[in-house]
Amino acid sequence: MPRAFRVCVPTLAYPLVMCIAFLLFTWLQGFMPGTAAAYIAIIWGLLCITVHEWLMPYRQYWHPTRFDLINDVAYMVLGQVLLEQLLLFISFLFVATLASTTKWQISGIWPHDWSVWLQAILLLAVGDFFRYWLHRWFHQVPWMWAFHQVHHSPKRLYWVNVGRFHPIEQALQFVVDALPFVLIGVQKEVIYVYFVFYAINGFYQHSNCDVRLGPLNWIVAGPELHRWHHSLDLQEANHNYGNNLIVWDVLFGTRFLPKDHQVGNLGIPVANYPMSYIGQLIAPFRRYPTTD
């Protein structure tokens, strides 16, 4: 592989993929529903991330095994697709029932008159504030950490395991960073823009891509920061809680990106922790010895 390619791709891939995804999304909206345009833009980003992971991985041995992929796909399909749709259905049903039986109305607190792009930026900032604190509590509150260990259990990072969350944690995430915006009636056009960034950044964040974001590491919660969050050393892992943005970590003093060494082993300091989908559904309700 040419040296210029190896130098340029880690620096330029993330911003280029993200920019092209939004250009594609904007163009497609001219002749198809916004949902379809958003998913096509996300698929474009995902294809680029997949190619980047295999051609220029951060670590060769982080490529997933067949066992890893089987369980990650189970999490993706059952959690990120089916459970997510069920939660959305329940929330919309709740809002419709509330609106038809009461005079409840709080949509006026959201700046609906702003441009779609400004509203999407506000949605990112406010949503990430709530998600930051929920994520931090998942590390600090023992019973919550029992559920969050599922997400930290992999010893390798690659984009497919981005969806490895216990259903209980996923439901709590939805209540904190999605339900409030459903309740106040954020326009679907704003949600589409938010969703494109949320998905592509999330896939990149968890990827095994060799990426160097430079100054962007002070704005977005990218892969360089998130690897430290998955460190086996909990003193390192208890940092970088931001879901999309790192600005709340900067503000609250939990941003962590050392320059003198790279992240070591990943995972959790727990012995005999199950790695199968079914095993991890049960794991939070059992006790396992630590390896400290």
C-alpha atoms as a PDB file:
ATOM      1  CA  MET A   1       0.000   0.000   0.000  1.00  0.00           C
ATOM      2  CA  PRO A   2       1.475   3.422  -0.976  1.00  0.00           C
ATOM      3  CA  ARG A   3       2.867   5.436   1.926  1.00  0.00           C
ATOM      4  CA  ALA A   4       0.827   8.518   0.963  1.00  0.00           C
ATOM      5  CA  PHE A   5      -2.328   6.401   1.178  1.00  0.00           C
ATOM      6  CA  ARG A   6      -1.428   5.123   4.642  1.00  0.00           C
ATOM      7  CA  VAL A   7      -0.758   8.681   5.818  1.00  0.00           C
ATOM      8  CA  CYS A   8      -3.860  10.327   4.331  1.00  0.00           C
ATOM      9  CA  VAL A   9      -6.571   7.735   4.968  1.00  0.00           C
ATOM     10  CA  PRO A  10      -6.419   7.712   8.805  1.00  0.00           C
ATOM     11  CA  THR A  11      -6.701  11.505   8.872  1.00  0.00           C
ATOM     12  CA  LEU A  12      -9.220  12.105   6.085  1.00  0.00           C
ATOM     13  CA  ALA A  13     -11.457   9.021   6.052  1.00  0.00           C
ATOM     14  CA  TYR A  14     -13.799   9.965   8.909  1.00  0.00           C
ATOM     15  CA  PRO A  15     -14.585  13.562   7.817  1.00  0.00           C
ATOM     16  CA  LEU A  16     -14.851  12.562   4.135  1.00  0.00           C
ATOM     17  CA  VAL A  17     -17.163   9.629   4.794  1.00  0.00           C
ATOM     18  CA  MET A  18     -19.352  11.768   7.063  1.00  0.00           C
ATOM     19  CA  CYS A  19     -19.514  14.697   4.620  1.00  0.00           C
ATOM     20  CA  ILE A  20     -20.307  12.487   1.626  1.00  0.00           C
ATOM     21  CA  ALA A  21     -22.980  10.690   3.672  1.00  0.00           C
ATOM     22  CA  PHE A  22     -24.732  13.990   4.417  1.00  0.00           C
ATOM     23  CA  LEU A  23     -24.410  15.154   0.806  1.00  0.00           C
ATOM     24  CA  LEU A  24     -25.890  11.853  -0.344  1.00  0.00           C
ATOM     25  CA  PHE A  25     -28.677  12.100   2.233  1.00  0.00           C
ATOM     26  CA  THR A  26     -29.539  15.667   1.168  1.00  0.00           C
ATOM     27  CA  TRP A  27     -29.590  14.727  -2.525  1.00  0.00           C
ATOM     28  CA  LEU A  28     -31.694  11.592  -2.007  1.00  0.00           C
ATOM     29  CA  GLN A  29     -34.288  13.499   0.003  1.00  0.00           C
ATOM     30  CA  GLY A  30     -35.236  15.271  -3.222  1.00  0.00           C
ATOM     31  CA  PHE A  31     -36.929  12.183  -4.638  1.00  0.00           C
ATOM     32  CA  MET A  32     -37.469   9.643  -1.850  1.00  0.00           C
ATOM     33  CA  PRO A  33     -38.746   9.509   1.745  1.00  0.00           C
ATOM     34  CA  GLY A  34     -36.374  10.813   4.394  1.00  0.00           C
ATOM     35  CA  THR A  35     -36.196   7.457   6.162  1.00  0.00           C
ATOM     36  CA  ALA A  36     -34.958   5.713   3.014  1.00  0.00           C
ATOM     37  CA  ALA A  37     -32.485   8.524   2.279  1.00  0.00           C
ATOM     38  CA  ALA A  38     -31.077   8.285   5.816  1.00  0.00           C
ATOM     39  CA  TYR A  39     -30.651   4.509   5.655  1.00  0.00           C
ATOM     40  CA  ILE A  40     -28.925   4.655   2.264  1.00  0.00           C
ATOM     41  CA  ALA A  41     -26.518   7.314   3.559  1.00  0.00           C
ATOM     42  CA  ILE A  42     -25.796   5.151   6.606  1.00  0.00           C
ATOM     43  CA  ILE A  43     -25.229   2.068   4.444  1.00  0.00           C
ATOM     44  CA  TRP A  44     -22.725   4.089   2.396  1.00  0.00           C
ATOM     45  CA  GLY A  45     -20.877   4.997   5.585  1.00  0.00           C
ATOM     46  CA  LEU A  46     -20.974   1.424   6.818  1.00  0.00           C
ATOM     47  CA  LEU A  47     -19.521   0.066   3.577  1.00  0.00           C
ATOM     48  CA  CYS A  48     -16.657   2.561   3.793  1.00  0.00           C
ATOM     49  CA  ILE A  49     -15.991   1.645   7.431  1.00  0.00           C
ATOM     50  CA  THR A  50     -15.999  -2.072   6.603  1.00  0.00           C
ATOM     51  CA  VAL A  51     -13.459  -1.598   3.805  1.00  0.00           C
ATOM     52  CA  HIS A  52     -11.337   0.668   6.025  1.00  0.00           C
ATOM     53  CA  GLU A  53     -11.365  -1.925   8.828  1.00  0.00           C
ATOM     54  CA  TRP A  54     -10.109  -4.711   6.611  1.00  0.00           C
ATOM     55  CA  LEU A  55      -7.586  -2.764   4.539  1.00  0.00           C
ATOM     56  CA  MET A  56      -6.179  -0.591   7.313  1.00  0.00           C
ATOM     57  CA  PRO A  57      -7.054  -1.987  10.753  1.00  0.00           C
ATOM     58  CA  TYR A  58      -5.890  -0.428  13.994  1.00  0.00           C
ATOM     59  CA  ARG A  59      -4.931  -3.914  15.189  1.00  0.00           C
ATOM     60  CA  GLN A  60      -4.864  -7.030  13.034  1.00  0.00           C
ATOM     61  CA  TYR A  61      -5.922  -9.373  15.835  1.00  0.00           C
ATOM     62  CA  TRP A  62      -9.095  -7.372  16.504  1.00  0.00           C
ATOM     63  CA  HIS A  63     -10.847  -8.921  13.505  1.00  0.00           C
ATOM     64  CA  PRO A  64     -13.924 -10.835  14.771  1.00  0.00           C
ATOM     65  CA  THR A  65     -14.257 -14.613  14.878  1.00  0.00           C
ATOM     66  CA  ARG A  66     -17.319 -16.495  13.626  1.00  0.00           C
ATOM     67  CA  PHE A  67     -18.500 -16.929  17.232  1.00  0.00           C
ATOM     68  CA  ASP A  68     -18.162 -13.173  17.797  1.00  0.00           C
ATOM     69  CA  LEU A  69     -20.183 -12.353  14.692  1.00  0.00           C
ATOM     70  CA  ILE A  70     -23.001 -14.800  15.455  1.00  0.00           C
ATOM     71  CA  ASN A  71     -23.578 -13.194  18.837  1.00  0.00           C
ATOM     72  CA  ASP A  72     -23.076  -9.638  17.583  1.00  0.00           C
ATOM     73  CA  VAL A  73     -25.652 -10.173  14.828  1.00  0.00           C
ATOM     74  CA  ALA A  74     -28.083 -11.511  17.451  1.00  0.00           C
ATOM     75  CA  TYR A  75     -27.619  -8.308  19.455  1.00  0.00           C
ATOM     76  CA  MET A  76     -27.990  -6.176  16.332  1.00  0.00           C
ATOM     77  CA  VAL A  77     -31.178  -7.837  15.062  1.00  0.00           C
ATOM     78  CA  LEU A  78     -32.963  -8.483  18.360  1.00  0.00           C
ATOM     79  CA  GLY A  79     -31.807  -5.337  20.138  1.00  0.00           C
ATOM     80  CA  GLN A  80     -31.027  -2.554  17.701  1.00  0.00           C
ATOM     81  CA  VAL A  81     -33.821  -3.447  15.263  1.00  0.00           C
ATOM     82  CA  LEU A  82     -36.690  -5.325  16.948  1.00  0.00           C
ATOM     83  CA  LEU A  83     -36.450  -3.935  20.488  1.00  0.00           C
ATOM     84  CA  GLU A  84     -35.834  -0.414  19.181  1.00  0.00           C
ATOM     85  CA  GLN A  85     -38.959  -0.567  17.018  1.00  0.00           C
ATOM     86  CA  LEU A  86     -41.011  -1.920  19.923  1.00  0.00           C
ATOM     87  CA  LEU A  87     -39.840   0.912  22.175  1.00  0.00           C
ATOM     88  CA  LEU A  88     -40.692   3.478  19.503  1.00  0.00           C
ATOM     89  CA  PHE A  89     -44.154   1.976  19.027  1.00  0.00           C
ATOM     90  CA  ILE A  90     -44.850   2.028  22.774  1.00  0.00           C
ATOM     91  CA  SER A  91     -43.647   5.630  23.095  1.00  0.00           C
ATOM     92  CA  PHE A  92     -45.744   6.889  20.168  1.00  0.00           C
ATOM     93  CA  LEU A  93     -48.772   5.017  21.563  1.00  0.00           C
ATOM     94  CA  PHE A  94     -48.153   6.658  24.938  1.00  0.00           C
ATOM     95  CA  VAL A  95     -47.903  10.130  23.385  1.00  0.00           C
ATOM     96  CA  ALA A  96     -51.063   9.615  21.305  1.00  0.00           C
ATOM     97  CA  THR A  97     -53.012   8.409  24.349  1.00  0.00           C
ATOM     98  CA  LEU A  98     -51.760  11.277  26.492  1.00  0.00           C
ATOM     99  CA  ALA A  99     -52.615  13.864  23.845  1.00  0.00           C
ATOM    100  CA  SER A 100     -56.135  12.501  23.310  1.00  0.00           C
ATOM    101  CA  THR A 101     -57.079  12.228  26.994  1.00  0.00           C
ATOM    102  CA  THR A 102     -55.441  15.325  28.499  1.00  0.00           C
ATOM    103  CA  LYS A 103     -54.472  18.890  27.636  1.00  0.00           C
ATOM    104  CA  TRP A 104     -50.828  17.877  27.886  1.00  0.00           C
ATOM    105  CA  GLN A 105     -48.647  19.944  25.561  1.00  0.00           C
ATOM    106  CA  ILE A 106     -44.915  20.608  25.932  1.00  0.00           C
ATOM    107  CA  SER A 107     -43.867  20.895  22.290  1.00  0.00           C
ATOM    108  CA  GLY A 108     -43.495  24.656  22.754  1.00  0.00           C
ATOM    109  CA  ILE A 109     -40.210  24.228  24.624  1.00  0.00           C
ATOM    110  CA  TRP A 110     -38.428  23.044  21.463  1.00  0.00           C
ATOM    111  CA  PRO A 111     -37.241  25.669  18.897  1.00  0.00           C
ATOM    112  CA  HIS A 112     -39.221  24.294  15.945  1.00  0.00           C
ATOM    113  CA  ASP A 113     -38.633  27.529  14.003  1.00  0.00           C
ATOM    114  CA  TRP A 114     -34.869  26.942  13.823  1.00  0.00           C
ATOM    115  CA  SER A 115     -33.349  25.417  10.704  1.00  0.00           C
ATOM    116  CA  VAL A 116     -33.304  21.614  10.561  1.00  0.00           C
ATOM    117  CA  TRP A 117     -29.500  21.550  10.831  1.00  0.00           C
ATOM    118  CA  LEU A 118     -29.402  23.821  13.894  1.00  0.00           C
ATOM    119  CA  GLN A 119     -32.098  21.738  15.557  1.00  0.00           C
ATOM    120  CA  ALA A 120     -30.083  18.585  14.821  1.00  0.00           C
ATOM    121  CA  ILE A 121     -26.982  20.119  16.452  1.00  0.00           C
ATOM    122  CA  LEU A 122     -29.064  21.084  19.502  1.00  0.00           C
ATOM    123  CA  LEU A 123     -30.504  17.564  19.600  1.00  0.00           C
ATOM    124  CA  LEU A 124     -26.985  16.124  19.556  1.00  0.00           C
ATOM    125  CA  ALA A 125     -25.812  18.396  22.365  1.00  0.00           C
ATOM    126  CA  VAL A 126     -28.831  17.979  24.644  1.00  0.00           C
ATOM    127  CA  GLY A 127     -29.234  14.258  23.949  1.00  0.00           C
ATOM    128  CA  ASP A 128     -25.564  13.647  24.639  1.00  0.00           C
ATOM    129  CA  PHE A 129     -25.769  15.536  27.934  1.00  0.00           C
ATOM    130  CA  PHE A 130     -28.394  13.110  29.236  1.00  0.00           C
ATOM    131  CA  ARG A 131     -26.635  10.110  27.715  1.00  0.00           C
ATOM    132  CA  TYR A 132     -23.303  11.210  29.253  1.00  0.00           C
ATOM    133  CA  TRP A 133     -24.730  11.070  32.771  1.00  0.00           C
ATOM    134  CA  LEU A 134     -26.599   7.824  32.184  1.00  0.00           C
ATOM    135  CA  HIS A 135     -23.403   6.253  30.842  1.00  0.00           C
ATOM    136  CA  ARG A 136     -21.382   7.564  33.779  1.00  0.00           C
ATOM    137  CA  TRP A 137     -23.904   6.102  36.224  1.00  0.00           C
ATOM    138  CA  PHE A 138     -23.691   2.768  34.418  1.00  0.00           C
ATOM    139  CA  HIS A 139     -20.023   2.743  35.429  1.00  0.00           C
ATOM    140  CA  GLN A 140     -20.467   4.046  38.971  1.00  0.00           C
ATOM    141  CA  VAL A 141     -23.641   2.348  40.253  1.00  0.00           C
ATOM    142  CA  PRO A 142     -22.986  -1.365  40.950  1.00  0.00           C
ATOM    143  CA  TRP A 143     -26.320  -2.766  39.736  1.00  0.00           C
ATOM    144  CA  MET A 144     -26.118  -0.674  36.555  1.00  0.00           C
ATOM    145  CA  TRP A 145     -22.519  -1.766  35.937  1.00  0.00           C
ATOM    146  CA  ALA A 146     -23.729  -5.387  36.069  1.00  0.00           C
ATOM    147  CA  PHE A 147     -25.791  -4.687  32.932  1.00  0.00           C
ATOM    148  CA  HIS A 148     -23.185  -2.466  31.259  1.00  0.00           C
ATOM    149  CA  GLN A 149     -20.521  -5.173  31.577  1.00  0.00           C
ATOM    150  CA  VAL A 150     -22.210  -6.860  28.618  1.00  0.00           C
ATOM    151  CA  HIS A 151     -21.113  -3.991  26.386  1.00  0.00           C
ATOM    152  CA  HIS A 152     -17.571  -3.978  27.778  1.00  0.00           C
ATOM    153  CA  SER A 153     -17.085  -7.739  27.630  1.00  0.00           C
ATOM    154  CA  PRO A 154     -15.534  -7.994  24.095  1.00  0.00           C
ATOM    155  CA  LYS A 155     -11.746  -8.187  23.963  1.00  0.00           C
ATOM    156  CA  ARG A 156     -11.719  -6.689  20.471  1.00  0.00           C
ATOM    157  CA  LEU A 157     -13.401  -3.634  18.968  1.00  0.00           C
ATOM    158  CA  TYR A 158     -14.947  -3.713  15.484  1.00  0.00           C
ATOM    159  CA  TRP A 159     -18.061  -2.054  14.127  1.00  0.00           C
ATOM    160  CA  VAL A 160     -20.397  -5.064  14.409  1.00  0.00           C
ATOM    161  CA  ASN A 161     -20.217  -5.171  18.216  1.00  0.00           C
ATOM    162  CA  VAL A 162     -21.419  -1.581  18.572  1.00  0.00           C
ATOM    163  CA  GLY A 163     -24.896  -2.970  19.343  1.00  0.00           C
ATOM    164  CA  ARG A 164     -23.851  -5.304  22.158  1.00  0.00           C
ATOM    165  CA  PHE A 165     -26.107  -3.978  24.921  1.00  0.00           C
ATOM    166  CA  HIS A 166     -28.273  -5.818  27.413  1.00  0.00           C
ATOM    167  CA  PRO A 167     -31.991  -5.135  26.684  1.00  0.00           C
ATOM    168  CA  ILE A 168     -32.444  -3.554  30.132  1.00  0.00           C
ATOM    169  CA  GLU A 169     -29.677  -1.047  29.439  1.00  0.00           C
ATOM    170  CA  GLN A 170     -30.992  -0.385  25.960  1.00  0.00           C
ATOM    171  CA  ALA A 171     -34.455   0.391  27.332  1.00  0.00           C
ATOM    172  CA  LEU A 172     -32.946   2.845  29.841  1.00  0.00           C
ATOM    173  CA  GLN A 173     -30.924   4.468  27.060  1.00  0.00           C
ATOM    174  CA  PHE A 174     -34.112   4.939  25.055  1.00  0.00           C
ATOM    175  CA  VAL A 175     -35.911   6.554  27.991  1.00  0.00           C
ATOM    176  CA  VAL A 176     -33.067   9.033  28.490  1.00  0.00           C
ATOM    177  CA  ASP A 177     -31.890   9.987  24.998  1.00  0.00           C
ATOM    178  CA  ALA A 178     -34.867   9.291  22.705  1.00  0.00           C
ATOM    179  CA  LEU A 179     -38.180   9.392  24.568  1.00  0.00           C
ATOM    180  CA  PRO A 180     -37.864  13.058  25.685  1.00  0.00           C
ATOM    181  CA  PHE A 181     -37.561  14.185  22.062  1.00  0.00           C
ATOM    182  CA  VAL A 182     -40.515  12.031  21.020  1.00  0.00           C
ATOM    183  CA  LEU A 183     -42.571  13.636  23.799  1.00  0.00           C
ATOM    184  CA  ILE A 184     -41.761  17.209  22.741  1.00  0.00           C
ATOM    185  CA  GLY A 185     -42.427  16.434  19.093  1.00  0.00           C
ATOM    186  CA  VAL A 186     -39.062  17.020  17.420  1.00  0.00           C
ATOM    187  CA  GLN A 187     -39.690  17.004  13.661  1.00  0.00           C
ATOM    188  CA  LYS A 188     -38.844  13.854  11.737  1.00  0.00           C
ATOM    189  CA  GLU A 189     -36.575  15.826   9.388  1.00  0.00           C
ATOM    190  CA  VAL A 190     -34.409  16.727  12.388  1.00  0.00           C
ATOM    191  CA  ILE A 191     -34.386  13.110  13.565  1.00  0.00           C
ATOM    192  CA  TYR A 192     -33.142  11.982  10.119  1.00  0.00           C
ATOM    193  CA  VAL A 193     -30.118  14.314  10.251  1.00  0.00           C
ATOM    194  CA  TYR A 194     -29.395  13.273  13.831  1.00  0.00           C
ATOM    195  CA  PHE A 195     -29.754   9.586  12.927  1.00  0.00           C
ATOM    196  CA  VAL A 196     -27.248   9.760  10.055  1.00  0.00           C
ATOM    197  CA  PHE A 197     -24.563  11.253  12.293  1.00  0.00           C
ATOM    198  CA  TYR A 198     -25.480   9.051  15.272  1.00  0.00           C
ATOM    199  CA  ALA A 199     -25.208   5.840  13.247  1.00  0.00           C
ATOM    200  CA  ILE A 200     -22.077   6.562  11.207  1.00  0.00           C
ATOM    201  CA  ASN A 201     -20.205   8.028  14.170  1.00  0.00           C
ATOM    202  CA  GLY A 202     -21.283   5.066  16.292  1.00  0.00           C
ATOM    203  CA  PHE A 203     -20.026   2.543  13.748  1.00  0.00           C
ATOM    204  CA  TYR A 204     -16.745   4.440  13.367  1.00  0.00           C
ATOM    205  CA  GLN A 205     -16.414   4.850  17.136  1.00  0.00           C
ATOM    206  CA  HIS A 206     -16.503   1.104  17.683  1.00  0.00           C
ATOM    207  CA  SER A 207     -14.518   0.194  14.585  1.00  0.00           C
ATOM    208  CA  ASN A 208     -11.083  -1.331  14.190  1.00  0.00           C
ATOM    209  CA  CYS A 209     -10.157   1.410  11.717  1.00  0.00           C
ATOM    210  CA  ASP A 210      -6.808   3.161  11.918  1.00  0.00           C
ATOM    211  CA  VAL A 211      -8.140   6.693  12.433  1.00  0.00           C
ATOM    212  CA  ARG A 212      -6.478   9.909  13.610  1.00  0.00           C
ATOM    213  CA  LEU A 213      -8.974  12.699  14.087  1.00  0.00           C
ATOM    214  CA  GLY A 214      -6.633  15.388  15.420  1.00  0.00           C
ATOM    215  CA  PRO A 215      -8.598  18.456  16.624  1.00  0.00           C
ATOM    216  CA  LEU A 216     -11.895  16.608  16.066  1.00  0.00           C
ATOM    217  CA  ASN A 217     -11.026  14.567  19.161  1.00  0.00           C
ATOM    218  CA  TRP A 218     -12.079  17.633  21.154  1.00  0.00           C
ATOM    219  CA  ILE A 219     -15.551  17.591  19.566  1.00  0.00           C
ATOM    220  CA  VAL A 220     -16.661  14.094  18.574  1.00  0.00           C
ATOM    221  CA  ALA A 221     -16.473  10.874  20.550  1.00  0.00           C
ATOM    222  CA  GLY A 222     -14.472   8.964  17.954  1.00  0.00           C
ATOM    223  CA  PRO A 223     -12.593   5.654  17.929  1.00  0.00           C
ATOM    224  CA  GLU A 224      -9.325   6.980  19.378  1.00  0.00           C
ATOM    225  CA  LEU A 225     -11.160   8.073  22.519  1.00  0.00           C
ATOM    226  CA  HIS A 226     -13.561   5.160  22.731  1.00  0.00           C
ATOM    227  CA  ARG A 227     -10.813   2.516  22.708  1.00  0.00           C
ATOM    228  CA  TRP A 228      -9.638   3.837  26.052  1.00  0.00           C
ATOM    229  CA  HIS A 229     -13.183   3.580  27.349  1.00  0.00           C
ATOM    230  CA  HIS A 230     -13.046  -0.183  26.642  1.00  0.00           C
ATOM    231  CA  SER A 231      -9.695  -0.682  28.372  1.00  0.00           C
ATOM    232  CA  LEU A 232      -9.401  -3.651  30.734  1.00  0.00           C
ATOM    233  CA  ASP A 233      -7.947  -1.193  33.261  1.00  0.00           C
ATOM    234  CA  LEU A 234     -11.040   0.409  34.805  1.00  0.00           C
ATOM    235  CA  GLN A 235      -9.013   3.476  35.824  1.00  0.00           C
ATOM    236  CA  GLU A 236      -8.669   4.135  32.095  1.00  0.00           C
ATOM    237  CA  ALA A 237     -12.102   2.850  31.101  1.00  0.00           C
ATOM    238  CA  ASN A 238     -13.957   5.200  33.452  1.00  0.00           C
ATOM    239  CA  HIS A 239     -13.489   8.075  31.008  1.00  0.00           C
ATOM    240  CA  ASN A 240     -14.834   9.230  27.629  1.00  0.00           C
ATOM    241  CA  TYR A 241     -18.520   8.667  28.360  1.00  0.00           C
ATOM    242  CA  GLY A 242     -19.775  10.762  25.438  1.00  0.00           C
ATOM    243  CA  ASN A 243     -22.033   8.937  23.004  1.00  0.00           C
ATOM    244  CA  ASN A 244     -21.680  11.225  19.975  1.00  0.00           C
ATOM    245  CA  LEU A 245     -19.769  14.212  21.328  1.00  0.00           C
ATOM    246  CA  ILE A 246     -16.852  14.467  23.736  1.00  0.00           C
ATOM    247  CA  VAL A 247     -17.636  18.042  24.820  1.00  0.00           C
ATOM    248  CA  TRP A 248     -19.381  16.981  28.037  1.00  0.00           C
ATOM    249  CA  ASP A 249     -16.343  14.887  28.985  1.00  0.00           C
ATOM    250  CA  VAL A 250     -14.179  17.952  28.405  1.00  0.00           C
ATOM    251  CA  LEU A 251     -16.483  20.076  30.563  1.00  0.00           C
ATOM    252  CA  PHE A 252     -16.754  17.540  33.410  1.00  0.00           C
ATOM    253  CA  GLY A 253     -13.109  16.447  33.346  1.00  0.00           C
ATOM    254  CA  THR A 254     -13.505  12.876  32.096  1.00  0.00           C
ATOM    255  CA  ARG A 255     -11.869  13.158  28.669  1.00  0.00           C
ATOM    256  CA  PHE A 256      -8.882  10.805  28.444  1.00  0.00           C
ATOM    257  CA  LEU A 257      -6.498  10.498  25.480  1.00  0.00           C
ATOM    258  CA  PRO A 258      -2.870   9.908  26.579  1.00  0.00           C
ATOM    259  CA  LYS A 259      -0.157  10.577  24.017  1.00  0.00           C
ATOM    260  CA  ASP A 260       2.664   8.546  25.558  1.00  0.00           C
ATOM    261  CA  HIS A 261       1.212   5.043  25.072  1.00  0.00           C
ATOM    262  CA  GLN A 262      -1.531   3.096  23.317  1.00  0.00           C
ATOM    263  CA  VAL A 263      -4.457   1.261  24.851  1.00  0.00           C
ATOM    264  CA  GLY A 264      -3.626  -2.235  26.108  1.00  0.00           C
ATOM    265  CA  ASN A 265      -6.007  -5.158  26.564  1.00  0.00           C
ATOM    266  CA  LEU A 266      -9.757  -4.643  26.345  1.00  0.00           C
ATOM    267  CA  GLY A 267     -12.626  -6.247  28.246  1.00  0.00           C
ATOM    268  CA  ILE A 268     -13.701  -6.495  31.879  1.00  0.00           C
ATOM    269  CA  PRO A 269     -11.774  -7.770  34.936  1.00  0.00           C
ATOM    270  CA  VAL A 270     -14.252 -10.601  35.518  1.00  0.00           C
ATOM    271  CA  ALA A 271     -13.439 -14.315  35.467  1.00  0.00           C
ATOM    272  CA  ASN A 272     -15.551 -16.817  33.505  1.00  0.00           C
ATOM    273  CA  TYR A 273     -17.833 -14.134  32.077  1.00  0.00           C
ATOM    274  CA  PRO A 274     -20.101 -15.643  29.374  1.00  0.00           C
ATOM    275  CA  MET A 275     -19.659 -14.384  25.809  1.00  0.00           C
ATOM    276  CA  SER A 276     -22.773 -15.896  24.182  1.00  0.00           C
ATOM    277  CA  TYR A 277     -25.965 -13.896  23.639  1.00  0.00           C
ATOM    278  CA  ILE A 278     -28.088 -16.060  25.953  1.00  0.00           C
ATOM    279  CA  GLY A 279     -25.352 -16.227  28.577  1.00  0.00           C
ATOM    280  CA  GLN A 280     -25.046 -12.449  28.661  1.00  0.00           C
ATOM    281  CA  LEU A 281     -28.798 -11.959  29.042  1.00  0.00           C
ATOM    282  CA  ILE A 282     -28.532 -13.859  32.329  1.00  0.00           C
ATOM    283  CA  ALA A 283     -25.094 -12.577  33.412  1.00  0.00           C
ATOM    284  CA  PRO A 284     -26.252  -9.379  35.234  1.00  0.00           C
ATOM    285  CA  PHE A 285     -28.279 -11.526  37.623  1.00  0.00           C
ATOM    286  CA  ARG A 286     -25.312 -13.686  38.601  1.00  0.00           C
ATOM    287  CA  ARG A 287     -22.052 -13.044  40.437  1.00  0.00           C
ATOM    288  CA  TYR A 288     -18.645 -13.671  38.900  1.00  0.00           C
ATOM    289  CA  PRO A 289     -15.226 -13.428  40.575  1.00  0.00           C
ATOM    290  CA  THR A 290     -13.055 -10.480  39.597  1.00  0.00           C
ATOM    291  CA  THR A 291      -9.554 -10.882  38.204  1.00  0.00           C
ATOM    292  CA  ASP A 292      -8.072  -7.868  40.026  1.00  0.00           C
END
